[in-house]
Structure formats: structure tokens, C-alpha cells
Amino acid sequence: MRRETAVVQNKHGFHLRAVTAIVKALQEFTSEVTVSKDGIKRNGRSVLDLMLLEATEGTALTIEVTGDDENEAILRILELFVARFGEE
């Protein structure tokens, strides 16, 4: 299992476009993904679950990935956070 913390850096927070980018990127991986905020865990492959985190700019999220391609999957997710989901 890989676990990393990522901070939402875009001014619009973890909104529909951002979470859709994560879910879409994960389609090429088989690992299980969980994203959590303040102890609340959500399925990283579900747009609705991720939206329910209500993560605004500056929110730290914990990302857990378990599976055969966990290293590649978590790196891809972290790239999206660094790129601010292509927004700014």
C-alpha cells in the first residue's frame, strides 16, 4: 500500500472537473484507491464520493492506493494535484 498526502492547490477546490480528472486517470489502473479528509474515507474511483469530501483550496487529502500498479497510480494522482487539475 502507498499512502501520500496531497494539498488541493487550485482556487476552485476539489470540484467536478478536478474529481473527474482523477476518476478518468484511474481508468488505466487496477489498484484500489481511497481518498480521505478528516478521517472520512471515500472511493477514489467515484465522482460522487470525491465530491462529498467538499475539499476547498488548501485542504490536505490522504490518498491510499493498494494493488499491483499502486506506484504508477499514486504518481499519476499526485501529478494531477501538482498541475492543479489543469486549471491555472
C-alpha atoms as a PDB file:
ATOM      1  CA  MET A   1       0.000   0.000   0.000  1.00  0.00           C
ATOM      2  CA  ARG A   2       1.137   3.521  -0.807  1.00  0.00           C
ATOM      3  CA  ARG A   3      -0.095   6.499   1.182  1.00  0.00           C
ATOM      4  CA  GLU A   4       0.571  10.136   0.352  1.00  0.00           C
ATOM      5  CA  THR A   5      -0.851  13.482   1.363  1.00  0.00           C
ATOM      6  CA  ALA A   6      -1.787  15.998  -1.318  1.00  0.00           C
ATOM      7  CA  VAL A   7      -2.988  19.552  -0.834  1.00  0.00           C
ATOM      8  CA  VAL A   8      -5.714  20.984  -3.038  1.00  0.00           C
ATOM      9  CA  GLN A   9      -3.987  23.985  -4.605  1.00  0.00           C
ATOM     10  CA  ASN A  10      -6.472  25.250  -7.159  1.00  0.00           C
ATOM     11  CA  LYS A  11      -8.702  28.142  -6.157  1.00  0.00           C
ATOM     12  CA  HIS A  12     -11.903  26.302  -7.050  1.00  0.00           C
ATOM     13  CA  GLY A  13     -11.095  23.401  -4.764  1.00  0.00           C
ATOM     14  CA  PHE A  14     -11.965  19.779  -5.401  1.00  0.00           C
ATOM     15  CA  HIS A  15     -14.845  20.447  -7.781  1.00  0.00           C
ATOM     16  CA  LEU A  16     -16.407  18.398 -10.568  1.00  0.00           C
ATOM     17  CA  ARG A  17     -13.683  18.919 -13.170  1.00  0.00           C
ATOM     18  CA  ALA A  18     -10.942  18.047 -10.690  1.00  0.00           C
ATOM     19  CA  VAL A  19     -12.534  14.862  -9.389  1.00  0.00           C
ATOM     20  CA  THR A  20     -13.494  13.789 -12.899  1.00  0.00           C
ATOM     21  CA  ALA A  21      -9.834  14.124 -13.918  1.00  0.00           C
ATOM     22  CA  ILE A  22      -8.838  11.757 -11.116  1.00  0.00           C
ATOM     23  CA  VAL A  23     -11.529   9.198 -11.881  1.00  0.00           C
ATOM     24  CA  LYS A  24     -10.686   9.289 -15.586  1.00  0.00           C
ATOM     25  CA  ALA A  25      -6.942   8.919 -14.949  1.00  0.00           C
ATOM     26  CA  LEU A  26      -7.567   5.897 -12.731  1.00  0.00           C
ATOM     27  CA  GLN A  27      -9.333   4.010 -15.524  1.00  0.00           C
ATOM     28  CA  GLU A  28      -5.964   2.763 -16.756  1.00  0.00           C
ATOM     29  CA  PHE A  29      -5.052   1.285 -13.346  1.00  0.00           C
ATOM     30  CA  THR A  30      -6.395  -1.676 -11.395  1.00  0.00           C
ATOM     31  CA  SER A  31      -5.414  -0.660  -7.855  1.00  0.00           C
ATOM     32  CA  GLU A  32      -7.938   0.255  -5.177  1.00  0.00           C
ATOM     33  CA  VAL A  33      -7.900   3.969  -4.328  1.00  0.00           C
ATOM     34  CA  THR A  34      -9.209   5.707  -1.231  1.00  0.00           C
ATOM     35  CA  VAL A  35      -9.140   9.455  -0.631  1.00  0.00           C
ATOM     36  CA  SER A  36      -9.803  10.776   2.853  1.00  0.00           C
ATOM     37  CA  LYS A  37     -10.276  14.073   4.654  1.00  0.00           C
ATOM     38  CA  ASP A  38     -10.516  14.406   8.419  1.00  0.00           C
ATOM     39  CA  GLY A  39     -10.839  10.630   8.765  1.00  0.00           C
ATOM     40  CA  ILE A  40     -13.690  10.367   6.257  1.00  0.00           C
ATOM     41  CA  LYS A  41     -12.735   7.867   3.558  1.00  0.00           C
ATOM     42  CA  ARG A  42     -14.183   7.887   0.063  1.00  0.00           C
ATOM     43  CA  ASN A  43     -13.790   5.709  -3.025  1.00  0.00           C
ATOM     44  CA  GLY A  44     -11.233   7.370  -5.311  1.00  0.00           C
ATOM     45  CA  ARG A  45     -12.958   5.925  -8.370  1.00  0.00           C
ATOM     46  CA  SER A  46     -16.303   7.592  -7.680  1.00  0.00           C
ATOM     47  CA  VAL A  47     -17.004  11.174  -8.754  1.00  0.00           C
ATOM     48  CA  LEU A  48     -19.826  11.445  -6.224  1.00  0.00           C
ATOM     49  CA  ASP A  49     -17.752  10.072  -3.354  1.00  0.00           C
ATOM     50  CA  LEU A  50     -14.925  12.511  -4.091  1.00  0.00           C
ATOM     51  CA  MET A  51     -17.313  15.465  -4.370  1.00  0.00           C
ATOM     52  CA  LEU A  52     -18.704  14.598  -0.941  1.00  0.00           C
ATOM     53  CA  LEU A  53     -15.298  15.371   0.580  1.00  0.00           C
ATOM     54  CA  GLU A  54     -16.016  19.078  -0.062  1.00  0.00           C
ATOM     55  CA  ALA A  55     -12.298  19.849  -0.207  1.00  0.00           C
ATOM     56  CA  THR A  56     -11.602  23.541  -0.692  1.00  0.00           C
ATOM     57  CA  GLU A  57      -8.311  25.219  -1.606  1.00  0.00           C
ATOM     58  CA  GLY A  58      -5.682  24.368   0.996  1.00  0.00           C
ATOM     59  CA  THR A  59      -7.334  21.142   2.135  1.00  0.00           C
ATOM     60  CA  ALA A  60      -4.954  18.237   2.785  1.00  0.00           C
ATOM     61  CA  LEU A  61      -6.228  14.910   1.479  1.00  0.00           C
ATOM     62  CA  THR A  62      -4.773  11.486   2.217  1.00  0.00           C
ATOM     63  CA  ILE A  63      -4.545   9.188  -0.784  1.00  0.00           C
ATOM     64  CA  GLU A  64      -4.175   5.436  -0.263  1.00  0.00           C
ATOM     65  CA  VAL A  65      -3.544   3.111  -3.187  1.00  0.00           C
ATOM     66  CA  THR A  66      -3.308  -0.668  -2.963  1.00  0.00           C
ATOM     67  CA  GLY A  67      -2.631  -3.043  -5.833  1.00  0.00           C
ATOM     68  CA  ASP A  68      -0.219  -4.248  -8.466  1.00  0.00           C
ATOM     69  CA  ASP A  69       0.133  -0.833 -10.092  1.00  0.00           C
ATOM     70  CA  GLU A  70      -0.121   1.267  -6.924  1.00  0.00           C
ATOM     71  CA  ASN A  71       3.129   3.163  -7.536  1.00  0.00           C
ATOM     72  CA  GLU A  72       2.128   4.283 -11.005  1.00  0.00           C
ATOM     73  CA  ALA A  73      -1.424   5.111  -9.935  1.00  0.00           C
ATOM     74  CA  ILE A  74      -0.425   7.287  -6.991  1.00  0.00           C
ATOM     75  CA  LEU A  75       2.161   9.135  -9.069  1.00  0.00           C
ATOM     76  CA  ARG A  76      -0.496   9.920 -11.666  1.00  0.00           C
ATOM     77  CA  ILE A  77      -2.861  11.246  -8.994  1.00  0.00           C
ATOM     78  CA  LEU A  78      -0.133  13.405  -7.446  1.00  0.00           C
ATOM     79  CA  GLU A  79       0.715  14.821 -10.881  1.00  0.00           C
ATOM     80  CA  LEU A  80      -2.886  15.998 -11.200  1.00  0.00           C
ATOM     81  CA  PHE A  81      -2.687  17.781  -7.843  1.00  0.00           C
ATOM     82  CA  VAL A  82       0.587  19.492  -8.783  1.00  0.00           C
ATOM     83  CA  ALA A  83      -0.890  20.564 -12.126  1.00  0.00           C
ATOM     84  CA  ARG A  84      -3.919  21.908 -10.233  1.00  0.00           C
ATOM     85  CA  PHE A  85      -6.080  19.640 -12.378  1.00  0.00           C
ATOM     86  CA  GLY A  86      -5.182  21.724 -15.440  1.00  0.00           C
ATOM     87  CA  GLU A  87      -6.895  24.860 -14.209  1.00  0.00           C
ATOM     88  CA  GLU A  88      -4.397  27.592 -13.510  1.00  0.00           C
END
